[in-house]
Each structure stands twice: as C-alpha cells, then as structure tokens.
Amino acid sequence: MKSLTLSKITSSVMITLPNSAKKLNIGLNLKFKAKSQKVLGYTRKGENVWEYSEAALNLIAKYKSLFPEVIHKLDYSLGHDVTSADDFFPVDLNGRISEIRAWTSWISKAIAQIKLITEKFLVNQNPENMQQAIIKNIPGNTILKPAHAIERLRGQKFLLGNRVTMVSDSGMVPISARGTVLSITDKMVEVVFDGPFIGRTSLNNC
C-alpha cells in the first residue's frame, strides 16, 4: 500500500454513487488533517507525520482484506482523484457498495463513541484540580509512560473480579479502557471491558 493511499483511507474517501448525485464516504475517519484531530487509541499527530497504533494498523489490514479493489485503485490512480463508485467496484457494483457502506458505517459509529467518551472526559475536567496536580510537582519517574507499561508491569498479578485499566498504547484495546477480569490462565487474562471498541471480541453465547 502506498503512503498516499494510506493517508486517504485513514481519513475520508468520497465516492459518487451510481445514477445519483449523492456521495458515500468509504474512508476510516481515523484522522482529520485539516483540524489535526485524532482518534484516541488509534492515531496521533507527530511533529511532521501521523502515527498509527497497532489497533489502527489491524483495522487498516482488515479494510485491505475486505476491499482490496479500493486499495488497488487508489494505489494506481497516479495521483488523480478517483470519485466514481464504478471505478472502485467494476464487478458486482451494487453488492460491493452495500458491503462497504455497512462496514464503514459500523466503524464510524465506533469512532463516534470514542470521540464522545473523549469529549465528556475533557468537559468534566476540573481546572482547579488540574492546577493542584501541577503544584504538587509529581516526580517524572513516578508517572507510568504507556511505552514502558509492558516492561514495568510484566510481573503484575490479577485476581478474578479485579478492575483493570489499559495503560499501554499498543494493541487492539484503546488506552484508558476499563474492564473487569473474567478469567485467568498461565499466560492470559481475559477482561470484559465496560464499552465496545473496534477490534473487540464478544462472549459469543455466554
């Protein structure tokens, strides 16, 4: 996948529907370049580039496997804007449009939920409490950086029913997601998280 294609599908890709003036966004909406807005747990803006978490890369790989013709067309459009649905889906046009519409709609709802949670968190922050935290001058070595979580918490022990918080910024689970320990094996801890997120698994018939 070319870098320009990656940039497009992780933001928005507008296509014109057949026999209609209406357009459909088939992008993942993981970033918004004009406003430098990100999706917590999936993307963030570095100094000069966008950075993607493992969860975002897994989602992009899923997109590529489900809709390879979109990636192929964007890769070989030679820098020209491709806007017609017919160009993306030369075979089974209506069927493929229905599939990508349903899939991207589900992704958009999950992204919207993440944004809502983020906005509520920011709105509920008390400036006075934040100021007090700064005044306390907490030493930097007592703050856990997400990148250090795997090494520093490797020996952590859990019990059934423990409440846990995701503190790593890699993997399928968004950072700061909270849940409850459901089962424990030698090498794995199963957690039921409080809310849905992209890439999650379900309890099936439980």
N, C-alpha and C. Protein backbone atom coordinates (compact mmCIF):
# COMPACT_ATOMS: atom_id res chain seq x y z
N MET A 1 0.84 -1.19 0.00
CA MET A 1 0.00 0.00 0.00
C MET A 1 0.88 1.25 0.00
N LYS A 2 0.61 2.17 -0.91
CA LYS A 2 1.40 3.39 -1.00
C LYS A 2 1.01 4.36 0.12
N SER A 3 1.95 5.23 0.45
CA SER A 3 1.73 6.16 1.57
C SER A 3 0.54 7.08 1.32
N LEU A 4 0.36 7.51 0.06
CA LEU A 4 -0.76 8.39 -0.25
C LEU A 4 -2.09 7.66 -0.07
N THR A 5 -2.11 6.38 -0.43
CA THR A 5 -3.31 5.56 -0.24
C THR A 5 -3.62 5.42 1.24
N LEU A 6 -2.59 5.15 2.04
CA LEU A 6 -2.76 5.04 3.49
C LEU A 6 -3.33 6.32 4.06
N SER A 7 -2.80 7.45 3.61
CA SER A 7 -3.27 8.74 4.10
C SER A 7 -4.75 8.95 3.77
N LYS A 8 -5.15 8.52 2.57
CA LYS A 8 -6.53 8.73 2.15
C LYS A 8 -7.51 7.85 2.91
N ILE A 9 -7.23 6.55 2.99
CA ILE A 9 -8.23 5.66 3.58
C ILE A 9 -8.35 5.84 5.09
N THR A 10 -7.33 6.40 5.73
CA THR A 10 -7.43 6.64 7.17
C THR A 10 -8.13 7.96 7.48
N SER A 11 -8.43 8.74 6.45
CA SER A 11 -9.23 9.95 6.66
C SER A 11 -10.57 9.74 5.96
N SER A 12 -10.79 10.40 4.85
CA SER A 12 -12.07 10.22 4.14
C SER A 12 -11.83 10.02 2.65
N VAL A 13 -12.65 9.18 2.05
CA VAL A 13 -12.62 8.93 0.61
C VAL A 13 -14.06 9.03 0.12
N MET A 14 -14.36 10.10 -0.58
CA MET A 14 -15.73 10.33 -1.04
C MET A 14 -15.89 9.79 -2.46
N ILE A 15 -16.92 8.96 -2.67
CA ILE A 15 -17.20 8.43 -3.99
C ILE A 15 -18.64 8.76 -4.38
N THR A 16 -18.85 8.96 -5.68
CA THR A 16 -20.18 9.26 -6.20
C THR A 16 -20.91 7.96 -6.48
N LEU A 17 -22.12 7.84 -5.97
CA LEU A 17 -22.89 6.62 -6.16
C LEU A 17 -23.49 6.58 -7.57
N PRO A 18 -23.72 5.37 -8.10
CA PRO A 18 -24.24 5.24 -9.47
C PRO A 18 -25.64 5.83 -9.61
N ASN A 19 -25.85 6.53 -10.74
CA ASN A 19 -27.16 7.12 -11.05
C ASN A 19 -27.66 8.03 -9.94
N SER A 20 -26.74 8.74 -9.32
CA SER A 20 -27.12 9.62 -8.22
C SER A 20 -26.07 10.69 -8.02
N ALA A 21 -26.51 11.82 -7.46
CA ALA A 21 -25.56 12.89 -7.13
C ALA A 21 -25.03 12.72 -5.72
N LYS A 22 -25.56 11.74 -5.00
CA LYS A 22 -25.15 11.52 -3.62
C LYS A 22 -23.75 10.91 -3.56
N LYS A 23 -23.06 11.20 -2.46
CA LYS A 23 -21.72 10.67 -2.26
C LYS A 23 -21.65 9.82 -1.00
N LEU A 24 -20.73 8.88 -1.00
CA LEU A 24 -20.54 7.98 0.13
C LEU A 24 -19.09 8.05 0.59
N ASN A 25 -18.88 8.22 1.88
CA ASN A 25 -17.52 8.23 2.43
C ASN A 25 -17.12 6.80 2.77
N ILE A 26 -16.09 6.27 2.09
CA ILE A 26 -15.63 4.91 2.35
C ILE A 26 -14.29 4.90 3.08
N GLY A 27 -13.93 6.05 3.67
CA GLY A 27 -12.71 6.12 4.47
C GLY A 27 -12.95 5.66 5.90
N LEU A 28 -11.87 5.51 6.66
CA LEU A 28 -11.96 5.02 8.04
C LEU A 28 -12.15 6.14 9.06
N ASN A 29 -11.89 7.38 8.67
CA ASN A 29 -12.07 8.54 9.57
C ASN A 29 -11.29 8.41 10.87
N LEU A 30 -10.04 7.95 10.76
CA LEU A 30 -9.18 7.84 11.93
C LEU A 30 -8.40 9.11 12.20
N LYS A 31 -8.44 10.05 11.27
CA LYS A 31 -7.74 11.32 11.47
C LYS A 31 -8.43 12.39 10.63
N PHE A 32 -8.21 13.64 11.03
CA PHE A 32 -8.81 14.77 10.34
C PHE A 32 -7.70 15.80 10.17
N LYS A 33 -7.07 15.75 8.99
CA LYS A 33 -5.86 16.54 8.76
C LYS A 33 -6.09 18.04 8.90
N ALA A 34 -7.21 18.54 8.38
CA ALA A 34 -7.45 19.98 8.39
C ALA A 34 -7.48 20.55 9.81
N LYS A 35 -8.02 19.77 10.75
CA LYS A 35 -8.13 20.22 12.14
C LYS A 35 -7.10 19.58 13.05
N SER A 36 -6.23 18.72 12.46
CA SER A 36 -5.23 17.97 13.24
C SER A 36 -5.88 17.19 14.38
N GLN A 37 -7.09 16.68 14.13
CA GLN A 37 -7.80 15.90 15.14
C GLN A 37 -7.46 14.42 15.00
N LYS A 38 -7.40 13.73 16.12
CA LYS A 38 -7.03 12.32 16.14
C LYS A 38 -8.15 11.51 16.78
N VAL A 39 -8.02 10.18 16.70
CA VAL A 39 -8.93 9.27 17.39
C VAL A 39 -8.13 8.56 18.47
N LEU A 40 -8.49 8.79 19.72
CA LEU A 40 -7.74 8.27 20.85
C LEU A 40 -7.59 6.75 20.74
N GLY A 41 -6.35 6.28 20.88
CA GLY A 41 -6.08 4.86 20.82
C GLY A 41 -5.77 4.35 19.43
N TYR A 42 -5.92 5.23 18.41
CA TYR A 42 -5.71 4.79 17.03
C TYR A 42 -4.71 5.67 16.27
N THR A 43 -4.82 6.97 16.40
CA THR A 43 -3.92 7.87 15.68
C THR A 43 -3.49 9.02 16.58
N ARG A 44 -2.36 9.61 16.21
CA ARG A 44 -1.94 10.84 16.86
C ARG A 44 -1.02 11.58 15.90
N LYS A 45 -0.96 12.89 16.05
CA LYS A 45 -0.18 13.74 15.15
C LYS A 45 1.18 13.98 15.75
N GLY A 46 2.23 13.53 15.04
CA GLY A 46 3.59 13.81 15.45
C GLY A 46 4.00 15.18 14.95
N GLU A 47 5.29 15.47 14.98
CA GLU A 47 5.76 16.78 14.53
C GLU A 47 5.45 17.00 13.05
N ASN A 48 5.78 16.00 12.23
CA ASN A 48 5.57 16.16 10.79
C ASN A 48 4.77 15.02 10.16
N VAL A 49 4.45 14.00 10.93
CA VAL A 49 3.76 12.84 10.38
C VAL A 49 2.65 12.37 11.32
N TRP A 50 1.75 11.60 10.76
CA TRP A 50 0.73 10.94 11.56
C TRP A 50 1.26 9.59 12.02
N GLU A 51 0.96 9.24 13.27
CA GLU A 51 1.39 7.96 13.81
C GLU A 51 0.16 7.09 14.07
N TYR A 52 0.32 5.78 13.81
CA TYR A 52 -0.80 4.84 13.93
C TYR A 52 -0.48 3.78 14.97
N SER A 53 -1.45 3.47 15.82
CA SER A 53 -1.27 2.43 16.83
C SER A 53 -1.43 1.06 16.18
N GLU A 54 -1.12 0.02 16.95
CA GLU A 54 -1.30 -1.34 16.45
C GLU A 54 -2.76 -1.62 16.14
N ALA A 55 -3.65 -1.08 16.95
CA ALA A 55 -5.09 -1.25 16.71
C ALA A 55 -5.49 -0.64 15.37
N ALA A 56 -4.92 0.53 15.05
CA ALA A 56 -5.21 1.17 13.77
C ALA A 56 -4.67 0.35 12.62
N LEU A 57 -3.46 -0.18 12.76
CA LEU A 57 -2.85 -1.00 11.70
C LEU A 57 -3.67 -2.26 11.46
N ASN A 58 -4.18 -2.85 12.53
CA ASN A 58 -5.02 -4.04 12.38
C ASN A 58 -6.31 -3.70 11.63
N LEU A 59 -6.87 -2.55 11.92
CA LEU A 59 -8.09 -2.11 11.24
C LEU A 59 -7.82 -1.84 9.76
N ILE A 60 -6.69 -1.22 9.46
CA ILE A 60 -6.30 -0.95 8.08
C ILE A 60 -6.10 -2.26 7.31
N ALA A 61 -5.45 -3.24 7.96
CA ALA A 61 -5.24 -4.54 7.33
C ALA A 61 -6.57 -5.23 7.04
N LYS A 62 -7.53 -5.08 7.95
CA LYS A 62 -8.87 -5.66 7.75
C LYS A 62 -9.55 -5.00 6.57
N TYR A 63 -9.43 -3.70 6.46
CA TYR A 63 -10.00 -2.95 5.34
C TYR A 63 -9.42 -3.47 4.03
N LYS A 64 -8.11 -3.64 4.00
CA LYS A 64 -7.43 -4.10 2.79
C LYS A 64 -7.88 -5.49 2.39
N SER A 65 -8.09 -6.37 3.37
CA SER A 65 -8.51 -7.74 3.06
C SER A 65 -9.96 -7.80 2.59
N LEU A 66 -10.81 -6.91 3.12
CA LEU A 66 -12.22 -6.91 2.74
C LEU A 66 -12.48 -6.20 1.42
N PHE A 67 -11.72 -5.12 1.18
CA PHE A 67 -11.96 -4.31 -0.02
C PHE A 67 -10.65 -4.04 -0.77
N PRO A 68 -10.01 -5.09 -1.29
CA PRO A 68 -8.72 -4.92 -1.97
C PRO A 68 -8.81 -4.05 -3.21
N GLU A 69 -9.98 -4.03 -3.87
CA GLU A 69 -10.11 -3.23 -5.09
C GLU A 69 -9.99 -1.73 -4.80
N VAL A 70 -10.40 -1.32 -3.61
CA VAL A 70 -10.26 0.10 -3.24
C VAL A 70 -8.79 0.47 -3.11
N ILE A 71 -8.04 -0.38 -2.41
CA ILE A 71 -6.61 -0.13 -2.24
C ILE A 71 -5.90 -0.12 -3.58
N HIS A 72 -6.22 -1.10 -4.43
CA HIS A 72 -5.58 -1.21 -5.74
C HIS A 72 -5.86 0.02 -6.59
N LYS A 73 -7.10 0.47 -6.60
CA LYS A 73 -7.45 1.63 -7.42
C LYS A 73 -6.75 2.89 -6.94
N LEU A 74 -6.70 3.10 -5.63
CA LEU A 74 -6.02 4.28 -5.10
C LEU A 74 -4.52 4.21 -5.34
N ASP A 75 -3.94 3.01 -5.21
CA ASP A 75 -2.50 2.84 -5.44
C ASP A 75 -2.10 3.20 -6.87
N TYR A 76 -2.98 2.89 -7.82
CA TYR A 76 -2.62 3.05 -9.23
C TYR A 76 -3.42 4.14 -9.93
N SER A 77 -3.92 5.08 -9.17
CA SER A 77 -4.65 6.20 -9.78
C SER A 77 -3.71 7.30 -10.25
N LEU A 78 -2.40 7.10 -9.99
CA LEU A 78 -1.37 8.03 -10.47
C LEU A 78 -1.60 9.46 -10.02
N GLY A 79 -2.08 9.62 -8.80
CA GLY A 79 -2.25 10.96 -8.24
C GLY A 79 -3.53 11.65 -8.63
N HIS A 80 -4.33 11.01 -9.51
CA HIS A 80 -5.60 11.62 -9.92
C HIS A 80 -6.70 11.22 -8.95
N ASP A 81 -7.60 12.14 -8.69
CA ASP A 81 -8.72 11.85 -7.81
C ASP A 81 -9.69 10.90 -8.49
N VAL A 82 -10.02 9.82 -7.81
CA VAL A 82 -11.00 8.85 -8.31
C VAL A 82 -12.26 9.01 -7.47
N THR A 83 -13.36 9.36 -8.12
CA THR A 83 -14.57 9.67 -7.35
C THR A 83 -15.78 8.81 -7.70
N SER A 84 -15.72 8.08 -8.79
CA SER A 84 -16.87 7.29 -9.21
C SER A 84 -16.84 5.89 -8.60
N ALA A 85 -17.98 5.46 -8.07
CA ALA A 85 -18.06 4.12 -7.48
C ALA A 85 -17.77 3.05 -8.52
N ASP A 86 -18.12 3.31 -9.79
CA ASP A 86 -17.85 2.34 -10.86
C ASP A 86 -16.36 2.07 -11.01
N ASP A 87 -15.54 3.09 -10.76
CA ASP A 87 -14.09 2.91 -10.88
C ASP A 87 -13.55 2.00 -9.79
N PHE A 88 -14.14 2.08 -8.61
CA PHE A 88 -13.67 1.26 -7.49
C PHE A 88 -14.20 -0.17 -7.55
N PHE A 89 -15.45 -0.31 -8.01
CA PHE A 89 -16.09 -1.63 -7.98
C PHE A 89 -16.63 -1.99 -9.36
N PRO A 90 -15.75 -2.41 -10.27
CA PRO A 90 -16.18 -2.78 -11.62
C PRO A 90 -17.02 -4.06 -11.65
N VAL A 91 -16.90 -4.89 -10.61
CA VAL A 91 -17.64 -6.15 -10.54
C VAL A 91 -18.61 -6.09 -9.35
N ASP A 92 -19.87 -6.48 -9.59
CA ASP A 92 -20.90 -6.51 -8.54
C ASP A 92 -20.97 -5.16 -7.83
N LEU A 93 -21.18 -4.11 -8.60
CA LEU A 93 -21.16 -2.74 -8.08
C LEU A 93 -22.09 -2.54 -6.89
N ASN A 94 -23.35 -2.85 -7.07
CA ASN A 94 -24.33 -2.59 -6.00
C ASN A 94 -24.06 -3.43 -4.76
N GLY A 95 -23.66 -4.69 -4.97
CA GLY A 95 -23.36 -5.56 -3.84
C GLY A 95 -22.18 -5.07 -3.03
N ARG A 96 -21.12 -4.66 -3.71
CA ARG A 96 -19.92 -4.19 -3.02
C ARG A 96 -20.17 -2.85 -2.32
N ILE A 97 -20.99 -2.00 -2.93
CA ILE A 97 -21.33 -0.73 -2.28
C ILE A 97 -22.09 -1.00 -0.98
N SER A 98 -23.02 -1.94 -1.03
CA SER A 98 -23.79 -2.28 0.18
C SER A 98 -22.87 -2.81 1.27
N GLU A 99 -21.89 -3.64 0.89
CA GLU A 99 -20.98 -4.22 1.87
C GLU A 99 -20.09 -3.16 2.51
N ILE A 100 -19.50 -2.29 1.69
CA ILE A 100 -18.58 -1.29 2.25
C ILE A 100 -19.37 -0.22 3.01
N ARG A 101 -20.60 0.07 2.59
CA ARG A 101 -21.43 1.02 3.32
C ARG A 101 -21.73 0.50 4.73
N ALA A 102 -22.10 -0.78 4.82
CA ALA A 102 -22.43 -1.37 6.12
C ALA A 102 -21.21 -1.43 7.02
N TRP A 103 -20.06 -1.81 6.45
CA TRP A 103 -18.85 -1.97 7.27
C TRP A 103 -18.33 -0.63 7.76
N THR A 104 -18.24 0.35 6.86
CA THR A 104 -17.74 1.67 7.27
C THR A 104 -18.72 2.37 8.20
N SER A 105 -20.00 2.08 8.06
CA SER A 105 -20.99 2.66 8.97
C SER A 105 -20.77 2.15 10.39
N TRP A 106 -20.48 0.85 10.51
CA TRP A 106 -20.20 0.29 11.83
C TRP A 106 -18.93 0.91 12.42
N ILE A 107 -17.90 1.09 11.59
CA ILE A 107 -16.66 1.71 12.04
C ILE A 107 -16.93 3.14 12.50
N SER A 108 -17.71 3.88 11.72
CA SER A 108 -18.00 5.28 12.05
C SER A 108 -18.71 5.40 13.39
N LYS A 109 -19.63 4.48 13.67
CA LYS A 109 -20.34 4.50 14.95
C LYS A 109 -19.38 4.25 16.11
N ALA A 110 -18.45 3.31 15.91
CA ALA A 110 -17.47 3.02 16.97
C ALA A 110 -16.55 4.21 17.19
N ILE A 111 -16.12 4.86 16.10
CA ILE A 111 -15.27 6.05 16.20
C ILE A 111 -16.02 7.18 16.91
N ALA A 112 -17.29 7.35 16.56
CA ALA A 112 -18.10 8.40 17.19
C ALA A 112 -18.22 8.17 18.69
N GLN A 113 -18.32 6.90 19.10
CA GLN A 113 -18.41 6.58 20.53
C GLN A 113 -17.11 6.96 21.24
N ILE A 114 -15.97 6.68 20.60
CA ILE A 114 -14.68 7.04 21.18
C ILE A 114 -14.58 8.55 21.33
N LYS A 115 -15.00 9.29 20.31
CA LYS A 115 -14.96 10.75 20.37
C LYS A 115 -15.84 11.28 21.50
N LEU A 116 -17.02 10.69 21.63
CA LEU A 116 -17.95 11.14 22.67
C LEU A 116 -17.37 10.95 24.05
N ILE A 117 -16.76 9.78 24.27
CA ILE A 117 -16.14 9.50 25.57
C ILE A 117 -15.01 10.49 25.84
N THR A 118 -14.19 10.75 24.81
CA THR A 118 -13.07 11.69 24.95
C THR A 118 -13.57 13.09 25.29
N GLU A 119 -14.62 13.53 24.57
CA GLU A 119 -15.16 14.87 24.80
C GLU A 119 -15.74 15.01 26.21
N LYS A 120 -16.46 13.97 26.66
CA LYS A 120 -17.03 14.00 28.01
C LYS A 120 -15.93 14.08 29.06
N PHE A 121 -14.86 13.34 28.82
CA PHE A 121 -13.74 13.36 29.76
C PHE A 121 -13.15 14.76 29.86
N LEU A 122 -12.96 15.40 28.70
CA LEU A 122 -12.35 16.74 28.70
C LEU A 122 -13.28 17.77 29.34
N VAL A 123 -14.58 17.65 29.06
CA VAL A 123 -15.54 18.60 29.63
C VAL A 123 -15.61 18.49 31.14
N ASN A 124 -15.48 17.26 31.65
CA ASN A 124 -15.62 17.02 33.09
C ASN A 124 -14.36 17.33 33.90
N GLN A 125 -13.29 17.70 33.20
CA GLN A 125 -12.07 18.02 33.93
C GLN A 125 -12.24 19.32 34.72
N ASN A 126 -11.83 19.31 35.95
CA ASN A 126 -11.92 20.49 36.81
C ASN A 126 -10.59 21.25 36.75
N PRO A 127 -10.58 22.46 36.18
CA PRO A 127 -9.33 23.22 36.07
C PRO A 127 -8.61 23.39 37.41
N GLU A 128 -9.37 23.53 38.51
CA GLU A 128 -8.74 23.71 39.82
C GLU A 128 -7.97 22.46 40.23
N ASN A 129 -8.56 21.29 39.98
CA ASN A 129 -7.87 20.04 40.31
C ASN A 129 -6.63 19.86 39.46
N MET A 130 -6.73 20.26 38.19
CA MET A 130 -5.57 20.16 37.31
C MET A 130 -4.45 21.07 37.81
N GLN A 131 -4.82 22.25 38.25
CA GLN A 131 -3.83 23.19 38.76
C GLN A 131 -3.16 22.64 40.01
N GLN A 132 -3.93 22.01 40.90
CA GLN A 132 -3.37 21.43 42.11
C GLN A 132 -2.39 20.32 41.79
N ALA A 133 -2.71 19.55 40.75
CA ALA A 133 -1.81 18.46 40.36
C ALA A 133 -0.47 19.02 39.89
N ILE A 134 -0.52 20.15 39.22
CA ILE A 134 0.72 20.78 38.76
C ILE A 134 1.52 21.32 39.95
N ILE A 135 0.83 21.92 40.90
CA ILE A 135 1.50 22.49 42.07
C ILE A 135 2.20 21.41 42.89
N LYS A 136 1.62 20.22 42.95
CA LYS A 136 2.21 19.14 43.73
C LYS A 136 3.57 18.71 43.18
N ASN A 137 3.82 19.02 41.90
CA ASN A 137 5.13 18.73 41.31
C ASN A 137 5.50 17.25 41.44
N ILE A 138 4.66 16.40 40.91
CA ILE A 138 4.89 14.96 40.98
C ILE A 138 6.14 14.59 40.19
N PRO A 139 7.07 13.83 40.78
CA PRO A 139 8.31 13.44 40.07
C PRO A 139 8.00 12.65 38.81
N GLY A 140 8.74 12.92 37.75
CA GLY A 140 8.51 12.25 36.48
C GLY A 140 8.66 10.75 36.54
N ASN A 141 9.57 10.26 37.42
CA ASN A 141 9.81 8.81 37.47
C ASN A 141 8.68 8.04 38.15
N THR A 142 7.70 8.76 38.70
CA THR A 142 6.56 8.07 39.32
C THR A 142 5.37 7.97 38.36
N ILE A 143 5.50 8.56 37.18
CA ILE A 143 4.43 8.53 36.19
C ILE A 143 4.72 7.44 35.17
N LEU A 144 3.76 6.57 34.96
CA LEU A 144 3.94 5.46 34.02
C LEU A 144 3.69 5.93 32.59
N LYS A 145 4.71 5.80 31.75
CA LYS A 145 4.54 6.11 30.34
C LYS A 145 3.99 4.88 29.62
N PRO A 146 3.03 5.07 28.71
CA PRO A 146 2.45 3.92 28.01
C PRO A 146 3.48 3.01 27.36
N ALA A 147 4.55 3.60 26.81
CA ALA A 147 5.57 2.80 26.13
C ALA A 147 6.34 1.90 27.09
N HIS A 148 6.33 2.24 28.39
CA HIS A 148 7.08 1.46 29.39
C HIS A 148 6.20 0.43 30.10
N ALA A 149 4.91 0.42 29.78
CA ALA A 149 3.96 -0.41 30.54
C ALA A 149 4.30 -1.90 30.48
N ILE A 150 4.66 -2.40 29.30
CA ILE A 150 4.90 -3.84 29.14
C ILE A 150 6.03 -4.31 30.03
N GLU A 151 7.12 -3.55 30.09
CA GLU A 151 8.28 -3.96 30.90
C GLU A 151 8.03 -3.75 32.39
N ARG A 152 7.48 -2.60 32.75
CA ARG A 152 7.34 -2.27 34.17
C ARG A 152 6.24 -3.07 34.86
N LEU A 153 5.25 -3.51 34.10
CA LEU A 153 4.13 -4.22 34.72
C LEU A 153 4.12 -5.71 34.38
N ARG A 154 5.25 -6.20 33.89
CA ARG A 154 5.32 -7.60 33.44
C ARG A 154 4.95 -8.59 34.56
N GLY A 155 5.35 -8.30 35.80
CA GLY A 155 5.10 -9.23 36.90
C GLY A 155 3.81 -8.98 37.66
N GLN A 156 2.94 -8.16 37.10
CA GLN A 156 1.71 -7.81 37.80
C GLN A 156 0.79 -9.03 37.96
N LYS A 157 0.15 -9.15 39.12
CA LYS A 157 -0.74 -10.27 39.42
C LYS A 157 -2.19 -9.78 39.45
N PHE A 158 -3.10 -10.65 39.01
CA PHE A 158 -4.52 -10.28 38.99
C PHE A 158 -5.36 -11.34 39.68
N LEU A 159 -6.51 -10.93 40.16
CA LEU A 159 -7.49 -11.83 40.75
C LEU A 159 -8.81 -11.69 40.00
N LEU A 160 -9.62 -12.73 40.01
CA LEU A 160 -10.92 -12.66 39.36
C LEU A 160 -11.74 -11.52 39.97
N GLY A 161 -12.34 -10.74 39.10
CA GLY A 161 -13.16 -9.62 39.56
C GLY A 161 -12.40 -8.32 39.73
N ASN A 162 -11.06 -8.35 39.59
CA ASN A 162 -10.28 -7.11 39.68
C ASN A 162 -10.73 -6.12 38.60
N ARG A 163 -10.76 -4.85 38.94
CA ARG A 163 -10.99 -3.80 37.96
C ARG A 163 -9.64 -3.41 37.38
N VAL A 164 -9.55 -3.31 36.06
CA VAL A 164 -8.28 -3.02 35.40
C VAL A 164 -8.45 -1.89 34.38
N THR A 165 -7.33 -1.23 34.08
CA THR A 165 -7.31 -0.15 33.10
C THR A 165 -6.18 -0.40 32.11
N MET A 166 -6.44 -0.22 30.82
CA MET A 166 -5.43 -0.39 29.78
C MET A 166 -4.48 0.81 29.82
N VAL A 167 -3.20 0.55 30.07
CA VAL A 167 -2.23 1.65 30.17
C VAL A 167 -1.21 1.62 29.05
N SER A 168 -1.26 0.62 28.18
CA SER A 168 -0.35 0.56 27.04
C SER A 168 -1.02 1.20 25.83
N ASP A 169 -0.21 1.84 24.97
CA ASP A 169 -0.78 2.47 23.78
C ASP A 169 -0.63 1.60 22.54
N SER A 170 -0.34 0.30 22.72
CA SER A 170 -0.26 -0.62 21.60
C SER A 170 -1.26 -1.74 21.80
N GLY A 171 -1.63 -2.40 20.72
CA GLY A 171 -2.60 -3.49 20.81
C GLY A 171 -3.99 -3.05 20.39
N MET A 172 -4.93 -3.98 20.44
CA MET A 172 -6.29 -3.72 19.97
C MET A 172 -7.10 -2.87 20.94
N VAL A 173 -6.77 -2.95 22.23
CA VAL A 173 -7.57 -2.25 23.24
C VAL A 173 -7.11 -0.79 23.36
N PRO A 174 -8.02 0.19 23.24
CA PRO A 174 -7.64 1.60 23.37
C PRO A 174 -7.10 1.91 24.77
N ILE A 175 -6.11 2.78 24.82
CA ILE A 175 -5.54 3.18 26.10
C ILE A 175 -6.64 3.82 26.96
N SER A 176 -6.61 3.55 28.25
CA SER A 176 -7.53 4.03 29.29
C SER A 176 -8.86 3.27 29.34
N ALA A 177 -9.03 2.27 28.45
CA ALA A 177 -10.26 1.46 28.52
C ALA A 177 -10.28 0.67 29.83
N ARG A 178 -11.43 0.60 30.47
CA ARG A 178 -11.55 -0.08 31.76
C ARG A 178 -12.44 -1.31 31.65
N GLY A 179 -12.14 -2.31 32.50
CA GLY A 179 -12.94 -3.53 32.48
C GLY A 179 -12.74 -4.35 33.74
N THR A 180 -13.28 -5.57 33.71
CA THR A 180 -13.24 -6.47 34.86
C THR A 180 -12.62 -7.80 34.44
N VAL A 181 -11.70 -8.33 35.26
CA VAL A 181 -11.04 -9.60 34.97
C VAL A 181 -12.07 -10.73 35.06
N LEU A 182 -12.19 -11.50 33.96
CA LEU A 182 -13.18 -12.56 33.89
C LEU A 182 -12.58 -13.95 34.12
N SER A 183 -11.38 -14.18 33.57
CA SER A 183 -10.71 -15.47 33.76
C SER A 183 -9.21 -15.28 33.69
N ILE A 184 -8.48 -16.23 34.27
CA ILE A 184 -7.02 -16.15 34.33
C ILE A 184 -6.43 -17.50 33.97
N THR A 185 -5.47 -17.51 33.03
CA THR A 185 -4.73 -18.72 32.69
C THR A 185 -3.25 -18.45 32.93
N ASP A 186 -2.40 -19.41 32.57
CA ASP A 186 -0.96 -19.24 32.80
C ASP A 186 -0.39 -18.04 32.07
N LYS A 187 -0.87 -17.78 30.84
CA LYS A 187 -0.28 -16.73 30.03
C LYS A 187 -1.28 -15.66 29.59
N MET A 188 -2.49 -15.73 30.09
CA MET A 188 -3.51 -14.82 29.58
C MET A 188 -4.50 -14.41 30.67
N VAL A 189 -4.94 -13.17 30.56
CA VAL A 189 -6.01 -12.66 31.42
C VAL A 189 -7.13 -12.19 30.51
N GLU A 190 -8.33 -12.74 30.69
CA GLU A 190 -9.48 -12.31 29.90
C GLU A 190 -10.22 -11.21 30.66
N VAL A 191 -10.53 -10.14 29.93
CA VAL A 191 -11.18 -8.98 30.55
C VAL A 191 -12.46 -8.64 29.79
N VAL A 192 -13.52 -8.38 30.53
CA VAL A 192 -14.75 -7.85 29.95
C VAL A 192 -14.70 -6.33 30.11
N PHE A 193 -14.59 -5.62 28.98
CA PHE A 193 -14.46 -4.17 29.05
C PHE A 193 -15.84 -3.50 29.14
N ASP A 194 -15.84 -2.31 29.73
CA ASP A 194 -17.09 -1.62 30.02
C ASP A 194 -17.82 -1.16 28.76
N GLY A 195 -17.07 -0.90 27.70
CA GLY A 195 -17.68 -0.40 26.47
C GLY A 195 -17.08 -1.04 25.24
N PRO A 196 -17.75 -0.93 24.10
CA PRO A 196 -17.25 -1.53 22.86
C PRO A 196 -16.11 -0.72 22.26
N PHE A 197 -15.31 -1.37 21.44
CA PHE A 197 -14.27 -0.69 20.68
C PHE A 197 -13.95 -1.52 19.45
N ILE A 198 -13.33 -0.89 18.47
CA ILE A 198 -13.02 -1.57 17.22
C ILE A 198 -12.01 -2.69 17.48
N GLY A 199 -12.27 -3.87 16.90
CA GLY A 199 -11.35 -4.98 17.04
C GLY A 199 -11.64 -5.87 18.23
N ARG A 200 -12.70 -5.57 18.96
CA ARG A 200 -13.01 -6.36 20.15
C ARG A 200 -13.53 -7.74 19.75
N THR A 201 -13.56 -8.67 20.71
CA THR A 201 -14.24 -9.95 20.53
C THR A 201 -15.40 -10.00 21.51
N SER A 202 -16.37 -10.86 21.22
CA SER A 202 -17.55 -10.94 22.08
C SER A 202 -17.48 -12.20 22.93
N LEU A 203 -18.44 -12.33 23.84
CA LEU A 203 -18.53 -13.52 24.68
C LEU A 203 -19.34 -14.62 24.01
N ASN A 204 -19.70 -14.40 22.73
CA ASN A 204 -20.48 -15.36 21.96
C ASN A 204 -21.77 -15.73 22.69
N ASN A 205 -21.88 -16.99 23.11
CA ASN A 205 -23.14 -17.43 23.72
C ASN A 205 -23.16 -17.31 25.23
N CYS A 206 -22.15 -16.64 25.81
CA CYS A 206 -22.11 -16.52 27.27
C CYS A 206 -23.07 -15.43 27.74
